[in-house]
């Protein structure tokens, strides 16, 4: 599978990442990506940027040589109804949102509570990706998540960082397998993301590609093969 985009990454603006915007772009160019998405954490993540950061994206050139730059945000889900920590003005300024559960922002709930939190976030028109839904610290009903993603035209993320042996997410490989089987059953599309926090990791989807190859997962359900397929979600 030819993978041409990476839509989830963080710069030093997020506070716990280690490369600049220009360094991330340069890495994407070096790896022949056609599109990258910069998605800093929103305000309830300790150390991240103020919301005003998201208001000034007009100054960033969106095409640099052969690569397109999209400016989004990784938004924290703050309760079991899917409310998030970005104002409507902030939402209006970003190209797309990745809604994620982080234990520093919300305690893990029951399977029903976690599932409702994610589906509630999906209903916001600017949320286009659910970040690392594989994290077993937040048990969910994957069939409900997969069906809701299809209904609300939201991409479920295959997060490469989740499969890193040094990572701390729980049971991510098995949870990802479950999600993939259900996505194939219901023909729900997914996106592969690096969740890069340093320039060297931009476009690094190696762990996910290995899993997809082992499962013989159908390429047509992965949007990374085409910028146009991804843009159908973020237009």
Protein backbone atom coordinates (compact mmCIF):
# COMPACT_ATOMS: atom_id res chain seq x y z
CA UNK A 1 0.00 0.00 0.00
CA UNK A 2 1.30 3.43 -0.95
CA UNK A 3 0.71 5.75 2.00
CA UNK A 4 0.72 9.46 1.05
CA UNK A 5 -0.48 11.33 4.14
CA UNK A 6 -0.17 11.64 7.90
CA UNK A 7 -2.82 13.70 9.70
CA UNK A 8 -1.87 13.48 13.40
CA UNK A 9 1.35 15.03 14.71
CA UNK A 10 2.57 17.50 17.30
CA UNK A 11 5.20 20.25 17.36
CA UNK A 12 6.88 21.97 20.31
CA UNK A 13 3.66 24.01 20.66
CA UNK A 14 2.07 20.99 22.37
CA UNK A 15 4.61 21.22 25.17
CA UNK A 16 5.76 17.60 25.22
CA UNK A 17 6.92 17.25 21.62
CA UNK A 18 10.37 18.07 20.31
CA UNK A 19 10.34 19.51 16.77
CA UNK A 20 9.23 22.74 15.15
CA UNK A 21 6.56 23.21 12.50
CA UNK A 22 9.19 23.66 9.79
CA UNK A 23 11.04 20.55 10.93
CA UNK A 24 7.86 18.48 10.71
CA UNK A 25 7.12 19.82 7.23
CA UNK A 26 10.68 19.13 6.07
CA UNK A 27 10.39 15.56 7.33
CA UNK A 28 7.14 15.08 5.45
CA UNK A 29 8.78 16.34 2.26
CA UNK A 30 11.76 14.06 2.75
CA UNK A 31 9.43 11.08 3.08
CA UNK A 32 7.50 12.06 -0.07
CA UNK A 33 4.21 12.62 1.70
CA UNK A 34 1.60 14.61 -0.19
CA UNK A 35 -0.21 15.96 2.89
CA UNK A 36 0.54 16.37 6.58
CA UNK A 37 -1.74 17.55 9.36
CA UNK A 38 -0.45 19.41 12.40
CA UNK A 39 -2.71 18.77 15.39
CA UNK A 40 -1.60 20.38 18.63
CA UNK A 41 -3.27 19.43 21.89
CA UNK A 42 -6.01 21.72 23.13
CA UNK A 43 -5.96 23.66 26.38
CA UNK A 44 -6.65 21.04 29.08
CA UNK A 45 -3.49 19.13 28.18
CA UNK A 46 -0.77 20.39 30.56
CA UNK A 47 1.89 22.49 28.87
CA UNK A 48 0.14 22.96 25.54
CA UNK A 49 -0.58 26.19 23.67
CA UNK A 50 -3.33 28.70 24.46
CA UNK A 51 -6.43 28.51 22.27
CA UNK A 52 -5.33 31.71 20.51
CA UNK A 53 -2.72 29.56 18.73
CA UNK A 54 -5.50 28.08 16.59
CA UNK A 55 -6.83 31.51 15.56
CA UNK A 56 -3.85 32.54 13.41
CA UNK A 57 -3.51 29.68 10.93
CA UNK A 58 -3.97 32.16 8.07
CA UNK A 59 -0.24 32.99 8.27
CA UNK A 60 0.83 29.41 7.45
CA UNK A 61 1.41 28.62 3.75
CA UNK A 62 -0.79 25.62 3.02
CA UNK A 63 1.24 24.37 0.07
CA UNK A 64 5.00 24.11 0.26
CA UNK A 65 6.64 22.57 -2.80
CA UNK A 66 4.77 19.28 -3.37
CA UNK A 67 3.27 18.94 0.11
CA UNK A 68 -0.03 20.25 1.44
CA UNK A 69 -0.27 21.45 5.03
CA UNK A 70 -3.47 21.12 7.04
CA UNK A 71 -3.85 22.66 10.49
CA UNK A 72 -6.09 20.84 12.93
CA UNK A 73 -6.20 20.10 16.64
CA UNK A 74 -6.24 17.08 18.92
CA UNK A 75 -9.14 17.92 21.18
CA UNK A 76 -9.69 16.41 24.61
CA UNK A 77 -13.00 14.72 25.33
CA UNK A 78 -13.86 16.00 28.78
CA UNK A 79 -16.97 14.07 29.86
CA UNK A 80 -19.07 11.02 29.00
CA UNK A 81 -21.40 13.11 26.81
CA UNK A 82 -18.61 13.99 24.37
CA UNK A 83 -18.09 17.62 25.37
CA UNK A 84 -14.63 18.89 24.45
CA UNK A 85 -12.16 21.59 25.50
CA UNK A 86 -12.27 23.82 22.44
CA UNK A 87 -14.63 26.75 21.97
CA UNK A 88 -16.82 27.07 18.91
CA UNK A 89 -14.59 29.90 17.75
CA UNK A 90 -11.63 27.55 18.03
CA UNK A 91 -13.48 24.87 16.10
CA UNK A 92 -14.24 27.39 13.36
CA UNK A 93 -10.52 28.09 12.86
CA UNK A 94 -9.24 24.52 12.41
CA UNK A 95 -9.36 22.37 9.30
CA UNK A 96 -10.43 19.32 11.29
CA UNK A 97 -10.46 17.93 14.80
CA UNK A 98 -9.14 14.71 16.27
CA UNK A 99 -11.18 13.87 19.37
CA UNK A 100 -9.32 11.77 21.93
CA UNK A 101 -9.59 10.40 25.44
CA UNK A 102 -6.53 11.17 27.60
CA UNK A 103 -6.30 10.01 31.19
CA UNK A 104 -4.82 13.33 32.29
CA UNK A 105 -8.09 14.98 31.23
CA UNK A 106 -10.81 12.39 31.92
CA UNK A 107 -10.85 9.30 34.12
CA UNK A 108 -11.68 6.02 32.39
CA UNK A 109 -15.34 5.20 32.78
CA UNK A 110 -17.42 2.11 32.14
CA UNK A 111 -17.59 0.64 28.67
CA UNK A 112 -20.93 2.38 28.15
CA UNK A 113 -19.62 5.74 29.42
CA UNK A 114 -16.48 5.63 27.26
CA UNK A 115 -18.49 4.59 24.21
CA UNK A 116 -20.98 7.42 24.75
CA UNK A 117 -18.13 9.91 25.18
CA UNK A 118 -16.61 9.01 21.82
CA UNK A 119 -19.93 8.91 19.96
CA UNK A 120 -20.92 12.22 21.49
CA UNK A 121 -17.72 13.80 20.20
CA UNK A 122 -18.30 12.34 16.73
CA UNK A 123 -21.47 14.39 16.43
CA UNK A 124 -19.55 17.67 16.27
CA UNK A 125 -19.24 18.62 12.57
CA UNK A 126 -15.54 19.50 12.85
CA UNK A 127 -14.52 16.19 14.44
CA UNK A 128 -13.27 14.03 11.60
CA UNK A 129 -10.98 11.54 13.38
CA UNK A 130 -11.21 9.61 16.65
CA UNK A 131 -7.71 9.46 18.09
CA UNK A 132 -6.26 6.15 19.35
CA UNK A 133 -9.58 4.37 20.02
CA UNK A 134 -7.49 1.26 20.68
CA UNK A 135 -6.49 2.33 24.20
CA UNK A 136 -7.71 -0.40 26.53
CA UNK A 137 -7.68 1.93 29.53
CA UNK A 138 -10.93 3.16 27.99
CA UNK A 139 -12.91 0.01 27.17
CA UNK A 140 -15.51 0.63 24.48
CA UNK A 141 -18.14 -1.22 22.50
CA UNK A 142 -16.30 -1.38 19.18
CA UNK A 143 -19.34 -2.38 17.16
CA UNK A 144 -21.16 0.76 18.32
CA UNK A 145 -18.08 2.91 17.64
CA UNK A 146 -17.61 1.49 14.15
CA UNK A 147 -21.28 1.94 13.22
CA UNK A 148 -21.35 5.49 14.62
CA UNK A 149 -18.18 6.43 12.72
CA UNK A 150 -19.87 5.34 9.50
CA UNK A 151 -23.08 7.20 10.37
CA UNK A 152 -21.35 10.47 11.28
CA UNK A 153 -18.71 10.27 8.54
CA UNK A 154 -15.79 10.12 10.97
CA UNK A 155 -12.52 8.23 10.54
CA UNK A 156 -11.33 5.80 13.18
CA UNK A 157 -7.59 6.05 13.71
CA UNK A 158 -5.00 3.32 13.47
CA UNK A 159 -2.41 4.96 15.70
CA UNK A 160 1.12 3.76 15.01
CA UNK A 161 2.35 5.07 18.36
CA UNK A 162 -0.13 2.79 20.14
CA UNK A 163 1.71 -0.26 18.76
CA UNK A 164 5.16 0.93 19.80
CA UNK A 165 6.53 -1.62 22.30
CA UNK A 166 7.67 1.30 24.46
CA UNK A 167 4.17 2.78 24.56
CA UNK A 168 1.83 2.73 27.57
CA UNK A 169 -1.58 2.15 26.02
CA UNK A 170 -3.31 -1.07 27.07
CA UNK A 171 -4.07 -4.02 24.76
CA UNK A 172 -3.83 -1.80 21.69
CA UNK A 173 -2.91 -4.54 19.22
CA UNK A 174 -5.79 -6.83 20.17
CA UNK A 175 -8.22 -3.92 20.32
CA UNK A 176 -7.07 -2.72 16.92
CA UNK A 177 -7.63 -6.20 15.48
CA UNK A 178 -11.18 -6.22 16.85
CA UNK A 179 -11.85 -2.78 15.40
CA UNK A 180 -10.41 -3.75 12.02
CA UNK A 181 -12.58 -6.84 11.75
CA UNK A 182 -15.68 -4.79 12.50
CA UNK A 183 -14.66 -2.07 10.05
CA UNK A 184 -14.30 -4.70 7.36
CA UNK A 185 -17.69 -6.16 8.28
CA UNK A 186 -19.44 -2.77 8.14
CA UNK A 187 -17.25 -1.18 5.42
CA UNK A 188 -16.17 1.66 7.71
CA UNK A 189 -13.10 3.61 6.60
CA UNK A 190 -10.01 4.24 8.73
CA UNK A 191 -6.93 6.44 8.75
CA UNK A 192 -3.36 5.52 9.73
CA UNK A 193 -1.56 8.19 11.75
CA UNK A 194 1.88 8.43 13.29
CA UNK A 195 0.93 10.60 16.30
CA UNK A 196 4.49 11.90 15.82
CA UNK A 197 5.99 14.01 18.60
CA UNK A 198 9.34 14.40 16.84
CA UNK A 199 10.22 15.00 13.18
CA UNK A 200 11.82 11.60 12.62
CA UNK A 201 8.44 9.94 13.30
CA UNK A 202 6.46 11.86 10.67
CA UNK A 203 4.89 9.32 8.32
CA UNK A 204 6.04 6.40 10.45
CA UNK A 205 3.22 3.90 10.06
CA UNK A 206 5.37 0.76 10.12
CA UNK A 207 3.69 -1.04 13.02
CA UNK A 208 0.23 -0.50 11.55
CA UNK A 209 1.28 -1.61 8.08
CA UNK A 210 2.66 -4.83 9.54
CA UNK A 211 -0.64 -5.50 11.31
CA UNK A 212 -2.70 -4.75 8.19
CA UNK A 213 -0.51 -7.07 6.10
CA UNK A 214 -0.89 -9.87 8.65
CA UNK A 215 -4.67 -9.50 8.56
CA UNK A 216 -4.89 -9.06 4.77
CA UNK A 217 -6.99 -5.99 5.46
CA UNK A 218 -8.56 -4.43 2.33
CA UNK A 219 -6.64 -1.38 1.14
CA UNK A 220 -9.77 0.35 -0.11
CA UNK A 221 -10.93 1.01 3.48
CA UNK A 222 -7.76 3.01 4.30
CA UNK A 223 -7.88 6.69 3.28
CA UNK A 224 -4.09 7.15 3.38
CA UNK A 225 -3.79 5.95 -0.20
CA UNK A 226 -5.29 9.17 -1.57
CA UNK A 227 -5.36 12.82 -0.53
CA UNK A 228 -8.74 13.10 -2.25
CA UNK A 229 -10.16 10.28 -0.11
CA UNK A 230 -9.06 12.13 3.03
CA UNK A 231 -10.41 15.44 1.78
CA UNK A 232 -13.88 13.94 1.44
CA UNK A 233 -13.87 13.97 5.24
CA UNK A 234 -12.34 17.40 5.88
CA UNK A 235 -13.86 19.48 3.08
